[in-house]
Protein backbone atom coordinates (compact mmCIF):
# COMPACT_ATOMS: atom_id res chain seq x y z
CA UNK A 1 55.25 -18.14 67.45
CA UNK A 2 51.54 -17.86 66.69
CA UNK A 3 50.30 -15.23 64.26
CA UNK A 4 47.55 -12.95 65.57
CA UNK A 5 45.31 -11.36 62.95
CA UNK A 6 43.22 -8.49 64.28
CA UNK A 7 39.93 -7.61 62.59
CA UNK A 8 40.20 -4.91 59.95
CA UNK A 9 38.50 -1.72 61.07
CA UNK A 10 38.73 0.02 57.68
CA UNK A 11 38.90 -1.15 54.09
CA UNK A 12 41.68 -2.72 52.02
CA UNK A 13 43.09 -0.35 49.44
CA UNK A 14 46.27 -0.43 47.42
CA UNK A 15 48.47 -2.28 44.97
CA UNK A 16 49.87 -5.77 45.46
CA UNK A 17 52.74 -7.17 43.41
CA UNK A 18 51.91 -10.86 43.31
CA UNK A 19 54.88 -13.19 43.88
CA UNK A 20 56.00 -15.53 41.10
CA UNK A 21 53.96 -18.56 40.16
CA UNK A 22 55.13 -21.60 42.10
CA UNK A 23 54.33 -24.08 39.33
CA UNK A 24 56.13 -22.07 36.66
CA UNK A 25 59.12 -21.40 38.94
CA UNK A 26 59.65 -25.14 39.51
CA UNK A 27 59.38 -26.00 35.83
CA UNK A 28 61.61 -23.17 34.64
CA UNK A 29 64.49 -24.32 36.86
CA UNK A 30 64.07 -28.00 35.94
CA UNK A 31 64.05 -27.47 32.17
CA UNK A 32 66.75 -24.80 32.28
CA UNK A 33 68.83 -27.34 34.19
CA UNK A 34 68.48 -29.78 31.28
CA UNK A 35 69.63 -27.25 28.70
CA UNK A 36 73.23 -26.35 27.91
CA UNK A 37 72.98 -22.56 27.66
CA UNK A 38 72.37 -20.03 30.41
CA UNK A 39 68.77 -19.07 31.17
CA UNK A 40 67.83 -16.00 33.19
CA UNK A 41 64.67 -16.43 35.29
CA UNK A 42 62.96 -13.30 36.63
CA UNK A 43 60.17 -13.07 39.24
CA UNK A 44 61.22 -16.50 40.48
CA UNK A 45 59.36 -17.45 43.66
CA UNK A 46 61.95 -17.79 46.47
CA UNK A 47 59.76 -20.07 48.56
CA UNK A 48 60.70 -23.21 50.46
CA UNK A 49 59.12 -25.48 47.83
CA UNK A 50 60.93 -23.85 44.92
CA UNK A 51 64.26 -23.92 46.77
CA UNK A 52 63.78 -27.66 47.15
CA UNK A 53 63.85 -27.93 43.36
CA UNK A 54 66.84 -25.59 43.08
CA UNK A 55 68.82 -27.55 45.67
CA UNK A 56 68.06 -30.89 44.00
CA UNK A 57 69.20 -29.56 40.62
CA UNK A 58 72.36 -28.09 42.16
CA UNK A 59 73.14 -31.44 43.79
CA UNK A 60 73.07 -32.99 40.31
CA UNK A 61 75.59 -30.54 38.85
CA UNK A 62 73.35 -27.74 37.56
CA UNK A 63 74.79 -24.27 38.13
CA UNK A 64 72.17 -22.01 39.70
CA UNK A 65 73.19 -18.48 40.70
CA UNK A 66 70.84 -16.17 42.58
CA UNK A 67 71.53 -12.76 41.05
CA UNK A 68 68.74 -10.93 42.95
CA UNK A 69 66.05 -11.83 45.49
CA UNK A 70 63.66 -13.00 42.77
CA UNK A 71 66.13 -13.67 39.96
CA UNK A 72 68.20 -16.71 38.99
CA UNK A 73 70.62 -17.65 36.26
CA UNK A 74 70.57 -21.37 35.49
CA UNK A 75 73.06 -23.28 33.32
CA UNK A 76 72.80 -27.01 32.85
CA UNK A 77 74.88 -29.57 30.99
CA UNK A 78 72.31 -30.82 28.52
CA UNK A 79 69.40 -33.26 28.51
CA UNK A 80 71.58 -36.14 29.71
CA UNK A 81 74.08 -33.99 31.59
CA UNK A 82 72.90 -34.39 35.19
CA UNK A 83 75.42 -36.08 37.49
CA UNK A 84 74.74 -38.78 40.05
CA UNK A 85 74.13 -37.27 43.49
CA UNK A 86 76.29 -38.48 46.34
CA UNK A 87 73.34 -38.55 48.72
CA UNK A 88 69.56 -38.83 48.79
CA UNK A 89 67.73 -35.97 47.06
CA UNK A 90 65.40 -34.13 49.45
CA UNK A 91 62.21 -32.65 47.97
CA UNK A 92 61.19 -31.16 51.33
CA UNK A 93 57.43 -30.54 51.36
CA UNK A 94 57.17 -30.19 47.59
CA UNK A 95 55.06 -32.71 45.72
CA UNK A 96 55.91 -30.88 42.49
CA UNK A 97 59.63 -31.38 43.08
CA UNK A 98 59.27 -35.08 43.81
CA UNK A 99 56.80 -36.03 41.09
CA UNK A 100 58.32 -33.97 38.27
CA UNK A 101 61.90 -34.88 39.12
CA UNK A 102 60.87 -38.54 39.02
CA UNK A 103 59.90 -38.02 35.37
CA UNK A 104 63.29 -36.48 34.66
CA UNK A 105 65.41 -38.92 36.65
CA UNK A 106 64.07 -42.03 34.92
CA UNK A 107 65.89 -40.81 31.80
CA UNK A 108 69.25 -40.37 33.49
CA UNK A 109 71.95 -43.08 33.48
CA UNK A 110 72.40 -43.25 37.26
CA UNK A 111 70.73 -44.43 40.45
CA UNK A 112 68.78 -41.91 42.54
CA UNK A 113 66.79 -41.87 45.76
CA UNK A 114 64.15 -39.16 46.31
CA UNK A 115 62.63 -38.41 49.69
CA UNK A 116 60.83 -35.57 51.44
CA UNK A 117 59.49 -34.44 54.80
CA UNK A 118 56.99 -36.46 56.83
CA UNK A 119 54.03 -34.83 55.06
CA UNK A 120 55.35 -35.55 51.57
CA UNK A 121 56.18 -39.13 52.51
CA UNK A 122 52.46 -39.64 53.23
CA UNK A 123 51.31 -38.38 49.83
CA UNK A 124 50.48 -40.94 47.10
CA UNK A 125 53.20 -41.70 44.55
CA UNK A 126 51.71 -44.82 42.92
CA UNK A 127 49.76 -42.54 40.55
CA UNK A 128 53.13 -41.48 39.11
CA UNK A 129 54.94 -44.81 39.39
CA UNK A 130 52.20 -46.77 37.57
CA UNK A 131 52.35 -44.94 34.22
CA UNK A 132 56.13 -44.55 34.34
CA UNK A 133 56.47 -48.29 34.91
CA UNK A 134 54.31 -48.85 31.84
CA UNK A 135 56.93 -46.83 29.95
CA UNK A 136 59.66 -49.23 31.07
CA UNK A 137 60.98 -47.14 33.95
CA UNK A 138 62.17 -48.86 37.12
CA UNK A 139 60.99 -47.19 40.35
CA UNK A 140 60.62 -48.69 43.80
CA UNK A 141 58.92 -47.00 46.72
CA UNK A 142 57.89 -47.66 50.28
CA UNK A 143 54.79 -49.75 51.07
CA UNK A 144 54.70 -51.64 47.77
CA UNK A 145 55.68 -48.53 45.78
CA UNK A 146 52.87 -46.39 47.12
CA UNK A 147 54.93 -43.79 48.98
CA UNK A 148 58.35 -42.12 49.10
CA UNK A 149 61.24 -42.56 49.50
CA UNK A 150 61.56 -43.53 45.84
CA UNK A 151 64.49 -45.44 44.39
CA UNK A 152 64.94 -44.76 40.66
CA UNK A 153 67.05 -47.25 38.72
CA UNK A 154 68.44 -46.58 35.21
CA UNK A 155 66.35 -48.13 32.45
CA UNK A 156 67.77 -49.37 29.15
CA UNK A 157 64.71 -48.31 27.19
CA UNK A 158 61.86 -45.90 27.85
CA UNK A 159 58.85 -46.36 25.60
CA UNK A 160 56.28 -43.81 24.54
CA UNK A 161 52.78 -44.78 25.64
CA UNK A 162 49.16 -43.80 25.30
CA UNK A 163 47.84 -43.29 28.81
CA UNK A 164 44.38 -42.36 30.04
CA UNK A 165 44.63 -40.73 33.44
CA UNK A 166 42.05 -41.87 36.03
CA UNK A 167 42.32 -38.52 37.83
CA UNK A 168 43.14 -35.09 36.41
CA UNK A 169 46.51 -34.19 37.94
CA UNK A 170 48.99 -31.70 36.51
CA UNK A 171 51.84 -33.23 38.49
CA UNK A 172 51.21 -36.76 37.21
CA UNK A 173 50.71 -35.52 33.65
CA UNK A 174 53.93 -33.53 33.91
CA UNK A 175 55.96 -36.49 35.17
CA UNK A 176 54.80 -38.59 32.20
CA UNK A 177 55.54 -35.80 29.71
CA UNK A 178 59.01 -35.24 31.14
CA UNK A 179 59.78 -38.96 30.94
CA UNK A 180 58.43 -38.88 27.39
CA UNK A 181 61.33 -36.63 26.34
CA UNK A 182 63.62 -39.66 26.78
CA UNK A 183 61.29 -42.21 25.13
CA UNK A 184 61.65 -44.09 21.85
CA UNK A 185 58.40 -42.71 20.44
CA UNK A 186 55.54 -40.28 21.06
CA UNK A 187 53.69 -40.16 24.36
CA UNK A 188 49.96 -39.37 24.41
CA UNK A 189 48.07 -38.55 27.61
CA UNK A 190 44.31 -38.15 27.94
CA UNK A 191 42.77 -36.51 31.03
CA UNK A 192 39.21 -36.75 32.38
CA UNK A 193 39.25 -32.95 32.83
CA UNK A 194 41.79 -30.39 31.71
CA UNK A 195 44.36 -29.76 34.45
CA UNK A 196 46.83 -26.87 34.52
CA UNK A 197 49.08 -26.89 31.45
CA UNK A 198 52.21 -25.06 32.61
CA UNK A 199 54.39 -28.05 31.73
CA UNK A 200 53.09 -28.14 28.16
CA UNK A 201 53.73 -24.40 27.76
CA UNK A 202 57.19 -24.59 29.34
CA UNK A 203 58.19 -27.62 27.24
CA UNK A 204 57.12 -25.73 24.11
CA UNK A 205 59.23 -22.77 25.26
CA UNK A 206 62.24 -25.11 25.33
CA UNK A 207 61.55 -26.41 21.82
CA UNK A 208 59.80 -29.69 22.65
CA UNK A 209 57.12 -30.77 20.19
CA UNK A 210 53.74 -30.59 21.95
CA UNK A 211 50.32 -31.05 20.33
CA UNK A 212 46.95 -30.75 22.08
CA UNK A 213 43.65 -32.15 20.86
CA UNK A 214 40.76 -31.73 23.27
CA UNK A 215 41.68 -33.49 26.52
CA UNK A 216 44.68 -35.25 24.96
CA UNK A 217 48.25 -34.00 24.68
CA UNK A 218 51.00 -35.57 22.56
CA UNK A 219 54.74 -35.13 23.14
CA UNK A 220 57.49 -36.15 20.73
CA UNK A 221 60.84 -37.22 22.23
CA UNK A 222 63.86 -34.92 21.86
CA UNK A 223 67.65 -35.14 21.92
CA UNK A 224 68.24 -31.64 23.26
CA UNK A 225 66.41 -28.61 24.61
CA UNK A 226 66.54 -25.19 22.98
CA UNK A 227 66.68 -22.77 25.89
CA UNK A 228 65.29 -19.23 25.75
CA UNK A 229 67.64 -16.58 27.16
CA UNK A 230 64.94 -15.23 29.49
CA UNK A 231 61.92 -16.63 31.34
CA UNK A 232 59.62 -14.16 33.09
CA UNK A 233 57.57 -15.98 35.70
CA UNK A 234 54.00 -14.62 35.98
CA UNK A 235 52.48 -13.81 39.36
CA UNK A 236 50.80 -16.79 41.02
CA UNK A 237 47.01 -16.69 40.80
CA UNK A 238 46.85 -19.04 43.80
CA UNK A 239 48.57 -16.33 45.85
CA UNK A 240 46.42 -13.61 44.30
CA UNK A 241 43.30 -15.57 45.33
CA UNK A 242 43.67 -14.58 48.98
CA UNK A 243 43.55 -10.88 48.08
CA UNK A 244 40.74 -11.45 45.56
CA UNK A 245 38.60 -12.88 48.35
CA UNK A 246 39.69 -10.36 50.98
CA UNK A 247 38.92 -7.32 48.82
CA UNK A 248 35.57 -8.83 47.81
CA UNK A 249 34.24 -9.61 51.29
CA UNK A 250 35.60 -6.55 53.16
CA UNK A 251 33.27 -3.59 52.43
CA UNK A 252 34.70 -0.58 50.63
CA UNK A 253 37.88 -2.37 49.54
CA UNK A 254 39.67 -1.89 46.24
CA UNK A 255 42.90 -3.61 45.21
CA UNK A 256 45.01 -3.81 42.07
CA UNK A 257 46.87 -7.12 41.86
CA UNK A 258 49.72 -6.73 39.39
CA UNK A 259 51.22 -9.19 36.90
CA UNK A 260 48.98 -12.16 37.69
CA UNK A 261 49.13 -15.25 35.52
CA UNK A 262 45.72 -15.79 33.92
CA UNK A 263 46.36 -19.11 32.20
CA UNK A 264 42.84 -20.43 31.47
CA UNK A 265 43.64 -23.72 33.21
CA UNK A 266 44.17 -21.75 36.44
CA UNK A 267 41.42 -19.11 36.39
CA UNK A 268 38.67 -21.21 37.96
CA UNK A 269 38.79 -18.98 41.06
CA UNK A 270 38.02 -15.91 38.93
CA UNK A 271 35.21 -17.67 37.09
CA UNK A 272 33.55 -18.89 40.29
CA UNK A 273 33.95 -15.56 42.09
CA UNK A 274 32.40 -13.73 39.12
CA UNK A 275 29.54 -16.23 39.10
CA UNK A 276 29.01 -15.45 42.78
CA UNK A 277 28.83 -11.72 42.02
CA UNK A 278 32.40 -10.53 42.59
CA UNK A 279 33.62 -7.32 40.97
CA UNK A 280 36.83 -8.41 39.22
CA UNK A 281 38.24 -6.81 36.06
CA UNK A 282 41.25 -7.88 33.98
CA UNK A 283 43.43 -4.95 32.91
CA UNK A 284 46.60 -4.68 30.81
CA UNK A 285 46.31 -8.23 29.44
CA UNK A 286 49.58 -9.31 27.83
CA UNK A 287 51.84 -12.31 27.21
CA UNK A 288 55.10 -13.53 28.74
CA UNK A 289 56.47 -16.49 26.83
CA UNK A 290 53.49 -18.81 26.36
CA UNK A 291 51.74 -17.58 29.55
CA UNK A 292 49.09 -14.80 29.61
CA UNK A 293 49.29 -12.26 32.45
CA UNK A 294 47.16 -9.30 33.53
CA UNK A 295 46.49 -6.90 36.37
CA UNK A 296 43.38 -7.82 38.36
CA UNK A 297 41.21 -5.01 39.69
CA UNK A 298 38.92 -6.17 42.49
CA UNK A 299 36.37 -4.18 44.49
CA UNK A 300 34.10 -5.27 47.31
CA UNK A 301 30.81 -6.88 46.33
CA UNK A 302 27.93 -8.85 47.78
CA UNK A 303 28.23 -12.53 46.97
CA UNK A 304 25.62 -15.18 46.23
CA UNK A 305 26.28 -18.87 46.82
CA UNK A 306 27.26 -21.19 43.96
CA UNK A 307 27.62 -24.88 43.24
CA UNK A 308 31.07 -26.02 42.11
CA UNK A 309 30.96 -29.22 40.06
CA UNK A 310 33.80 -31.78 39.66
CA UNK A 311 34.90 -30.61 36.21
CA UNK A 312 35.82 -27.20 37.67
CA UNK A 313 38.02 -28.56 40.49
CA UNK A 314 41.29 -29.03 38.50
CA UNK A 315 41.17 -25.31 37.63
CA UNK A 316 40.89 -24.14 41.27
CA UNK A 317 42.00 -27.07 43.42
CA UNK A 318 44.50 -24.97 45.41
CA UNK A 319 42.00 -22.16 45.94
CA UNK A 320 39.26 -24.22 47.61
CA UNK A 321 40.31 -23.22 51.18
CA UNK A 322 40.01 -19.48 50.52
CA UNK A 323 36.94 -20.01 48.34
CA UNK A 324 35.35 -21.63 51.40
CA UNK A 325 36.03 -18.39 53.28
CA UNK A 326 34.32 -16.38 50.53
CA UNK A 327 31.32 -18.73 50.72
CA UNK A 328 30.90 -17.91 54.43
CA UNK A 329 30.08 -14.31 53.43
CA UNK A 330 27.80 -15.23 50.51
CA UNK A 331 24.02 -15.34 50.55
CA UNK A 332 22.80 -18.93 50.42
CA UNK A 333 24.47 -22.33 50.55
CA UNK A 334 27.60 -23.10 48.53
CA UNK A 335 28.18 -26.71 47.52
CA UNK A 336 31.56 -28.05 46.40
CA UNK A 337 31.66 -31.47 44.73
CA UNK A 338 34.43 -33.63 43.29
CA UNK A 339 37.18 -32.20 45.50
CA UNK A 340 38.39 -35.46 47.10
CA UNK A 341 41.88 -34.60 45.80
CA UNK A 342 42.11 -32.13 48.71
CA UNK A 343 42.33 -35.05 51.13
CA UNK A 344 45.86 -35.86 49.91
CA UNK A 345 47.40 -32.40 49.92
CA UNK A 346 49.72 -31.11 52.67
CA UNK A 347 46.90 -32.13 54.98
CA UNK A 348 43.34 -33.37 54.50
CA UNK A 349 42.09 -29.94 53.51
CA UNK A 350 38.41 -30.85 53.49
CA UNK A 351 38.66 -31.97 57.10
CA UNK A 352 40.92 -29.06 58.08
CA UNK A 353 38.65 -26.42 56.50
CA UNK A 354 35.62 -27.84 58.30
CA UNK A 355 37.35 -28.19 61.65
CA UNK A 356 39.14 -24.85 61.80
CA UNK A 357 36.46 -22.56 60.39
CA UNK A 358 33.94 -24.22 62.72
CA UNK A 359 36.06 -22.92 65.61
CA UNK A 360 35.18 -19.43 64.35
CA UNK A 361 31.46 -20.29 64.25
CA UNK A 362 31.15 -21.39 60.63
CA UNK A 363 28.42 -23.84 59.66
CA UNK A 364 30.21 -26.21 57.26
CA UNK A 365 29.42 -29.84 56.48
CA UNK A 366 32.23 -32.06 55.23
CA UNK A 367 31.17 -34.60 52.60
CA UNK A 368 33.11 -37.48 51.06
CA UNK A 369 34.20 -35.33 48.11
CA UNK A 370 33.55 -31.75 49.12
CA UNK A 371 31.87 -29.22 51.37
CA UNK A 372 28.44 -27.70 52.07
CA UNK A 373 28.89 -24.14 53.34
CA UNK A 374 26.09 -22.01 54.75
CA UNK A 375 26.71 -18.35 54.08
CA UNK A 376 26.19 -15.00 55.78
CA UNK A 377 27.37 -16.24 59.14
CA UNK A 378 28.74 -14.22 62.04
CA UNK A 379 32.27 -15.44 62.70
CA UNK A 380 33.89 -15.04 66.10
CA UNK A 381 37.53 -14.79 67.15
CA UNK A 382 39.26 -18.11 67.79
CA UNK A 383 42.60 -19.89 67.98
CA UNK A 384 42.92 -22.00 64.83
CA UNK A 385 45.52 -24.52 63.71
CA UNK A 386 47.12 -24.21 60.26
CA UNK A 387 47.79 -27.96 60.15
CA UNK A 388 51.23 -26.83 58.91
CA UNK A 389 49.52 -26.15 55.57
CA UNK A 390 50.35 -22.85 53.88
CA UNK A 391 47.01 -22.44 52.13
CA UNK A 392 45.10 -23.17 55.33
CA UNK A 393 47.13 -20.57 57.25
CA UNK A 394 46.50 -17.84 54.69
CA UNK A 395 42.81 -18.69 54.35
CA UNK A 396 42.36 -18.48 58.12
CA UNK A 397 44.11 -15.11 58.08
CA UNK A 398 41.62 -13.74 55.52
CA UNK A 399 38.70 -15.13 57.54
CA UNK A 400 40.00 -13.43 60.69
CA UNK A 401 40.73 -10.17 58.89
CA UNK A 402 37.14 -9.98 57.61
CA UNK A 403 35.51 -10.90 60.93
CA UNK A 404 36.57 -10.74 64.59
CA UNK A 405 40.18 -11.82 64.25
CA UNK A 406 42.05 -15.11 64.59
CA UNK A 407 45.17 -16.54 66.20
CA UNK A 408 46.94 -19.00 63.89
CA UNK A 409 49.28 -21.73 65.11
CA UNK A 410 52.23 -22.82 62.92
CA UNK A 411 51.92 -19.76 60.65
CA UNK A 412 55.48 -20.11 59.33
CA UNK A 413 54.23 -22.71 56.86
CA UNK A 414 53.31 -19.81 54.52
CA UNK A 415 57.00 -19.86 53.52
CA UNK A 416 56.11 -22.84 51.32
CA UNK A 417 54.45 -20.58 48.73
CA UNK A 418 54.18 -16.95 49.94
CA UNK A 419 57.00 -15.97 52.33
CA UNK A 420 55.94 -12.30 52.49
CA UNK A 421 52.22 -12.92 53.00
CA UNK A 422 51.88 -11.57 56.55
CA UNK A 423 54.13 -8.60 55.76
CA UNK A 424 51.95 -7.78 52.75
CA UNK A 425 48.83 -8.09 54.89
CA UNK A 426 50.23 -5.62 57.41
CA UNK A 427 51.16 -3.19 54.63
CA UNK A 428 47.61 -3.28 53.22
CA UNK A 429 46.12 -2.72 56.68
CA UNK A 430 48.05 0.53 56.97
CA UNK A 431 47.40 1.85 53.47
């Protein structure tokens, strides 16, 4: 059923408890599943993507109990304690599940096949397979090892390597680091730009030796993980981004977004919005594990266009769709460069953003690696397609809320990262 978003006739006002960070939720379950003591995970994100990881770990013998809606207890059987699955592992729509599990499975003494839905099977896997093969891992994929399904064959020896990444990618970096736990020596990775570092922080939480020097990170192999008794997952800044933009562009709005992860490798959306003139304040800054969190106070503000250069993209890659919506309400022309990575997400997001917002009257030009967005436009109501992409669906909803409304096809895709998004939107409308 399509989702109809009516234009907001008043302001947004209230408090939003931001759901758990998707990236941290994935990693907490994976590493807890490789430990031998019970780990309690709170504020876990119960989204479709994260359940893909949970189900894969359960299939390999990890005990995962859901003790509350957003709470898990995970008990594994040690670093080498996973058991061979009797069937193909299904990562669903989750690139994080597939790429990170590949890094873990190369160190296990059994054969595995990883697959996913039709969208995930179109996403590039050679960027993971290439460095892992250099480490001595044996992985075969479809179309000359470019795409899933992936067949992972036990390797006698995994070697630590020094690898310079051609593209900044947290998922690829994470897969190499996870494989490095099983290697015969240190692994050193150098990125062109700093990508999100949740894996490094989570590995450190589990006692793995991690050292960072500039754009390089070094991991020393381990024989066991030291599990913390509790992991508190911070709120996902990618989910908070929709409310940051909504409260900024809808006049008279004021929102408090609680318990948001403000890891510096993820706060590009805050930095760009502030540069554009947004009124965002961090309050109650504190730490959970190795991750900083804060409440974000956001009030409506007039925005001015900005230019986003390639080095900023790894810090806000998932927020580009909703940032494009903010740019429509800004004075001037916003230019986004170096965002070609968006072409290989759940859909080609650069094309989808241009196509769908144009249906609402937006003046957007798609370039090879980004977007040119003319601001202060009058948007009209339209029927827009989500492209079965959760971030597209939520971005379209914010655009419709701040203008003349929108009807969104395939809105259920928000379950991938923010199952309660439309319910939260309705609550804020009525507050």
